[in-house]
Amino acid sequence: MKKKIAHFKSQINYKPTVKGGLVSPISSGFRSEIKFPFELKSYIATQEFTETELIFPGDSASIDVTLNGADLFLDQLYEGMDFELCDNSGVIAEGIITELY
């Protein structure tokens, strides 16, 4: 299987469990919903951890993100753009794009 190339690097701050964040640690390859402030549609974001093996609730990390099914939206991304990561329980993290690939 061919590995997808990441679309951007981001700094992500995961909420602690008591504030609605993750309940257990996540590993590289974690997928969540991603929402951008001006885009009505949400996408699936695959997160690849380059600096650590696990992310725990409340952690902050620099992460490579690949958007699935967002080909028409990619040209609207820019460095400094913020976003939210969500799951079924709500917003689990907030991030900002630090580098476009």
N, C-alpha and C. Protein backbone atom coordinates (compact mmCIF):
# COMPACT_ATOMS: atom_id res chain seq x y z
N MET A 1 0.83 -1.18 0.00
CA MET A 1 0.00 0.00 0.00
C MET A 1 0.89 1.25 0.00
N LYS A 2 0.57 2.19 -0.88
CA LYS A 2 1.34 3.41 -1.00
C LYS A 2 0.94 4.38 0.12
N LYS A 3 1.94 4.93 0.81
CA LYS A 3 1.69 5.87 1.89
C LYS A 3 1.33 7.24 1.31
N LYS A 4 0.28 7.85 1.86
CA LYS A 4 -0.11 9.19 1.41
C LYS A 4 0.87 10.22 1.95
N ILE A 5 1.13 11.23 1.16
CA ILE A 5 2.02 12.31 1.56
C ILE A 5 1.22 13.33 2.38
N ALA A 6 1.79 13.74 3.51
CA ALA A 6 1.12 14.71 4.38
C ALA A 6 0.92 16.03 3.64
N HIS A 7 -0.18 16.72 3.95
CA HIS A 7 -0.48 18.00 3.34
C HIS A 7 0.13 19.17 4.11
N PHE A 8 0.22 19.04 5.44
CA PHE A 8 0.79 20.13 6.23
C PHE A 8 1.28 19.65 7.59
N LYS A 9 2.15 20.47 8.19
CA LYS A 9 2.61 20.26 9.56
C LYS A 9 1.81 21.23 10.42
N SER A 10 1.47 20.81 11.61
CA SER A 10 0.68 21.66 12.49
C SER A 10 1.12 21.52 13.94
N GLN A 11 0.79 22.52 14.72
CA GLN A 11 0.96 22.46 16.17
C GLN A 11 -0.43 22.22 16.73
N ILE A 12 -0.61 21.08 17.41
CA ILE A 12 -1.93 20.72 17.92
C ILE A 12 -1.90 20.63 19.44
N ASN A 13 -2.90 21.24 20.06
CA ASN A 13 -3.07 21.20 21.52
C ASN A 13 -4.30 20.35 21.81
N TYR A 14 -4.07 19.16 22.38
CA TYR A 14 -5.17 18.25 22.72
C TYR A 14 -5.74 18.63 24.07
N LYS A 15 -7.05 18.70 24.16
CA LYS A 15 -7.70 19.05 25.41
C LYS A 15 -7.52 17.93 26.43
N PRO A 16 -7.43 18.29 27.71
CA PRO A 16 -7.40 17.24 28.74
C PRO A 16 -8.77 16.56 28.83
N THR A 17 -8.81 15.38 29.37
CA THR A 17 -10.05 14.61 29.48
C THR A 17 -11.14 15.40 30.21
N VAL A 18 -10.79 16.09 31.29
CA VAL A 18 -11.78 16.81 32.09
C VAL A 18 -12.41 17.98 31.33
N LYS A 19 -11.79 18.40 30.22
CA LYS A 19 -12.35 19.49 29.41
C LYS A 19 -12.90 18.98 28.09
N GLY A 20 -13.24 17.67 28.04
CA GLY A 20 -13.86 17.11 26.85
C GLY A 20 -12.90 16.52 25.85
N GLY A 21 -11.63 16.40 26.21
CA GLY A 21 -10.63 15.87 25.30
C GLY A 21 -10.60 14.36 25.26
N LEU A 22 -9.51 13.84 24.78
CA LEU A 22 -9.32 12.40 24.67
C LEU A 22 -9.42 11.72 26.03
N VAL A 23 -9.84 10.47 26.02
CA VAL A 23 -9.92 9.70 27.26
C VAL A 23 -8.67 8.83 27.42
N SER A 24 -8.13 8.37 26.30
CA SER A 24 -6.94 7.51 26.32
C SER A 24 -5.93 8.04 25.31
N PRO A 25 -4.66 7.60 25.42
CA PRO A 25 -3.66 8.07 24.47
C PRO A 25 -3.94 7.58 23.05
N ILE A 26 -3.40 8.31 22.07
CA ILE A 26 -3.54 7.94 20.66
C ILE A 26 -2.16 7.76 20.05
N SER A 27 -2.10 7.00 18.97
CA SER A 27 -0.82 6.76 18.31
C SER A 27 -0.88 7.29 16.87
N SER A 28 0.27 7.29 16.23
CA SER A 28 0.38 7.75 14.86
C SER A 28 -0.60 6.99 13.97
N GLY A 29 -1.23 7.69 13.04
CA GLY A 29 -2.25 7.09 12.20
C GLY A 29 -3.65 7.38 12.69
N PHE A 30 -3.77 8.05 13.84
CA PHE A 30 -5.07 8.41 14.41
C PHE A 30 -5.85 9.27 13.42
N ARG A 31 -7.13 8.97 13.27
CA ARG A 31 -7.99 9.71 12.36
C ARG A 31 -9.10 10.39 13.14
N SER A 32 -9.35 11.65 12.81
CA SER A 32 -10.44 12.39 13.43
C SER A 32 -11.03 13.35 12.39
N GLU A 33 -12.12 13.94 12.75
CA GLU A 33 -12.75 14.94 11.90
C GLU A 33 -12.02 16.26 12.10
N ILE A 34 -11.81 17.01 11.01
CA ILE A 34 -11.15 18.31 11.11
C ILE A 34 -12.08 19.36 10.52
N LYS A 35 -12.19 20.49 11.24
CA LYS A 35 -13.05 21.59 10.80
C LYS A 35 -12.23 22.87 10.74
N PHE A 36 -12.39 23.60 9.63
CA PHE A 36 -11.72 24.88 9.45
C PHE A 36 -12.76 25.99 9.64
N PRO A 37 -12.35 27.18 10.10
CA PRO A 37 -13.30 28.22 10.48
C PRO A 37 -14.25 28.68 9.38
N PHE A 38 -13.81 28.78 8.14
CA PHE A 38 -14.68 29.33 7.10
C PHE A 38 -15.25 28.26 6.17
N GLU A 39 -14.90 27.00 6.39
CA GLU A 39 -15.34 25.92 5.52
C GLU A 39 -16.52 25.20 6.18
N LEU A 40 -17.63 25.07 5.46
CA LEU A 40 -18.81 24.42 6.01
C LEU A 40 -18.65 22.91 6.11
N LYS A 41 -17.85 22.36 5.23
CA LYS A 41 -17.65 20.91 5.20
C LYS A 41 -16.52 20.53 6.16
N SER A 42 -16.63 19.35 6.75
CA SER A 42 -15.52 18.84 7.55
C SER A 42 -14.87 17.68 6.80
N TYR A 43 -13.64 17.36 7.16
CA TYR A 43 -12.87 16.33 6.48
C TYR A 43 -12.32 15.35 7.50
N ILE A 44 -11.81 14.24 7.02
CA ILE A 44 -11.13 13.29 7.88
C ILE A 44 -9.63 13.62 7.82
N ALA A 45 -9.02 13.77 8.97
CA ALA A 45 -7.60 14.09 9.07
C ALA A 45 -6.86 12.90 9.66
N THR A 46 -5.85 12.43 8.96
CA THR A 46 -4.99 11.38 9.48
C THR A 46 -3.75 12.06 10.05
N GLN A 47 -3.45 11.76 11.31
CA GLN A 47 -2.35 12.40 12.01
C GLN A 47 -1.16 11.45 12.12
N GLU A 48 0.01 11.94 11.73
CA GLU A 48 1.25 11.16 11.83
C GLU A 48 2.17 11.86 12.81
N PHE A 49 2.56 11.15 13.85
CA PHE A 49 3.41 11.72 14.89
C PHE A 49 4.87 11.46 14.54
N THR A 50 5.66 12.51 14.41
CA THR A 50 7.07 12.37 14.05
C THR A 50 7.98 12.52 15.26
N GLU A 51 7.49 13.13 16.33
CA GLU A 51 8.34 13.41 17.50
C GLU A 51 8.08 12.47 18.67
N THR A 52 7.01 11.71 18.63
CA THR A 52 6.64 10.85 19.75
C THR A 52 5.83 9.66 19.25
N GLU A 53 5.71 8.63 20.06
CA GLU A 53 4.91 7.47 19.67
C GLU A 53 3.47 7.60 20.13
N LEU A 54 3.26 8.24 21.28
CA LEU A 54 1.92 8.40 21.83
C LEU A 54 1.65 9.84 22.21
N ILE A 55 0.39 10.24 22.04
CA ILE A 55 -0.09 11.54 22.50
C ILE A 55 -1.10 11.27 23.60
N PHE A 56 -0.95 11.95 24.72
CA PHE A 56 -1.85 11.77 25.85
C PHE A 56 -2.79 12.97 25.96
N PRO A 57 -3.95 12.78 26.59
CA PRO A 57 -4.86 13.91 26.80
C PRO A 57 -4.13 15.08 27.47
N GLY A 58 -4.30 16.28 26.94
CA GLY A 58 -3.65 17.47 27.48
C GLY A 58 -2.30 17.77 26.84
N ASP A 59 -1.77 16.89 26.00
CA ASP A 59 -0.48 17.10 25.34
C ASP A 59 -0.58 18.10 24.19
N SER A 60 0.56 18.69 23.84
CA SER A 60 0.72 19.50 22.64
C SER A 60 1.84 18.89 21.83
N ALA A 61 1.70 18.89 20.51
CA ALA A 61 2.73 18.27 19.67
C ALA A 61 2.70 18.85 18.26
N SER A 62 3.84 18.73 17.58
CA SER A 62 3.95 19.09 16.17
C SER A 62 3.65 17.82 15.37
N ILE A 63 2.65 17.89 14.49
CA ILE A 63 2.12 16.69 13.84
C ILE A 63 1.93 16.93 12.35
N ASP A 64 2.23 15.91 11.54
CA ASP A 64 1.92 15.94 10.11
C ASP A 64 0.48 15.50 9.91
N VAL A 65 -0.26 16.23 9.08
CA VAL A 65 -1.67 15.94 8.85
C VAL A 65 -1.93 15.72 7.37
N THR A 66 -2.68 14.66 7.06
CA THR A 66 -3.14 14.39 5.70
C THR A 66 -4.66 14.48 5.71
N LEU A 67 -5.20 15.28 4.80
CA LEU A 67 -6.66 15.40 4.67
C LEU A 67 -7.16 14.40 3.64
N ASN A 68 -8.19 13.68 3.98
CA ASN A 68 -8.78 12.71 3.06
C ASN A 68 -10.00 13.32 2.38
N GLY A 69 -10.04 13.25 1.05
CA GLY A 69 -11.18 13.76 0.28
C GLY A 69 -11.27 15.27 0.22
N ALA A 70 -10.14 15.96 0.36
CA ALA A 70 -10.16 17.42 0.40
C ALA A 70 -9.40 18.05 -0.77
N ASP A 71 -9.28 17.33 -1.88
CA ASP A 71 -8.46 17.82 -3.00
C ASP A 71 -8.86 19.22 -3.48
N LEU A 72 -10.15 19.52 -3.54
CA LEU A 72 -10.61 20.82 -4.01
C LEU A 72 -10.39 21.93 -2.98
N PHE A 73 -10.15 21.55 -1.74
CA PHE A 73 -9.99 22.52 -0.65
C PHE A 73 -8.52 22.85 -0.37
N LEU A 74 -7.61 22.00 -0.83
CA LEU A 74 -6.20 22.14 -0.46
C LEU A 74 -5.59 23.49 -0.84
N ASP A 75 -6.01 24.09 -1.95
CA ASP A 75 -5.43 25.37 -2.36
C ASP A 75 -5.88 26.53 -1.49
N GLN A 76 -6.83 26.30 -0.58
CA GLN A 76 -7.30 27.35 0.33
C GLN A 76 -6.56 27.34 1.67
N LEU A 77 -5.72 26.32 1.89
CA LEU A 77 -4.96 26.24 3.13
C LEU A 77 -3.83 27.25 3.13
N TYR A 78 -3.49 27.77 4.31
CA TYR A 78 -2.36 28.69 4.44
C TYR A 78 -1.72 28.55 5.82
N GLU A 79 -0.45 28.91 5.90
CA GLU A 79 0.25 28.85 7.18
C GLU A 79 -0.39 29.86 8.13
N GLY A 80 -0.61 29.44 9.37
CA GLY A 80 -1.26 30.28 10.36
C GLY A 80 -2.76 30.02 10.47
N MET A 81 -3.30 29.21 9.58
CA MET A 81 -4.73 28.88 9.59
C MET A 81 -5.03 27.96 10.79
N ASP A 82 -6.09 28.28 11.51
CA ASP A 82 -6.44 27.45 12.66
C ASP A 82 -7.54 26.45 12.31
N PHE A 83 -7.69 25.45 13.15
CA PHE A 83 -8.68 24.40 12.93
C PHE A 83 -8.99 23.70 14.24
N GLU A 84 -10.05 22.89 14.20
CA GLU A 84 -10.44 22.06 15.35
C GLU A 84 -10.49 20.61 14.93
N LEU A 85 -10.06 19.73 15.83
CA LEU A 85 -10.21 18.30 15.64
C LEU A 85 -11.36 17.82 16.51
N CYS A 86 -12.23 17.01 15.93
CA CYS A 86 -13.43 16.57 16.63
C CYS A 86 -13.59 15.05 16.54
N ASP A 87 -14.34 14.51 17.50
CA ASP A 87 -14.80 13.13 17.41
C ASP A 87 -16.27 13.14 17.80
N ASN A 88 -16.84 12.01 18.08
CA ASN A 88 -18.27 11.94 18.38
C ASN A 88 -18.66 12.73 19.62
N SER A 89 -17.72 12.98 20.52
CA SER A 89 -18.03 13.69 21.76
C SER A 89 -17.88 15.21 21.63
N GLY A 90 -17.30 15.69 20.53
CA GLY A 90 -17.11 17.13 20.34
C GLY A 90 -15.67 17.46 20.00
N VAL A 91 -15.27 18.70 20.29
CA VAL A 91 -13.92 19.17 19.98
C VAL A 91 -12.92 18.54 20.95
N ILE A 92 -11.91 17.85 20.41
CA ILE A 92 -10.89 17.20 21.25
C ILE A 92 -9.55 17.91 21.20
N ALA A 93 -9.37 18.81 20.21
CA ALA A 93 -8.09 19.52 20.07
C ALA A 93 -8.26 20.73 19.17
N GLU A 94 -7.33 21.66 19.32
CA GLU A 94 -7.25 22.83 18.46
C GLU A 94 -5.85 22.90 17.90
N GLY A 95 -5.74 23.37 16.65
CA GLY A 95 -4.44 23.41 16.03
C GLY A 95 -4.27 24.59 15.10
N ILE A 96 -3.04 24.73 14.61
CA ILE A 96 -2.70 25.78 13.66
C ILE A 96 -1.71 25.20 12.65
N ILE A 97 -1.89 25.55 11.39
CA ILE A 97 -0.98 25.07 10.35
C ILE A 97 0.33 25.85 10.46
N THR A 98 1.45 25.13 10.59
CA THR A 98 2.74 25.78 10.71
C THR A 98 3.58 25.70 9.43
N GLU A 99 3.28 24.72 8.58
CA GLU A 99 4.03 24.56 7.33
C GLU A 99 3.21 23.77 6.32
N LEU A 100 3.11 24.27 5.10
CA LEU A 100 2.44 23.55 4.02
C LEU A 100 3.46 22.74 3.23
N TYR A 101 3.08 21.55 2.82
CA TYR A 101 3.98 20.70 2.01
C TYR A 101 3.60 20.78 0.55
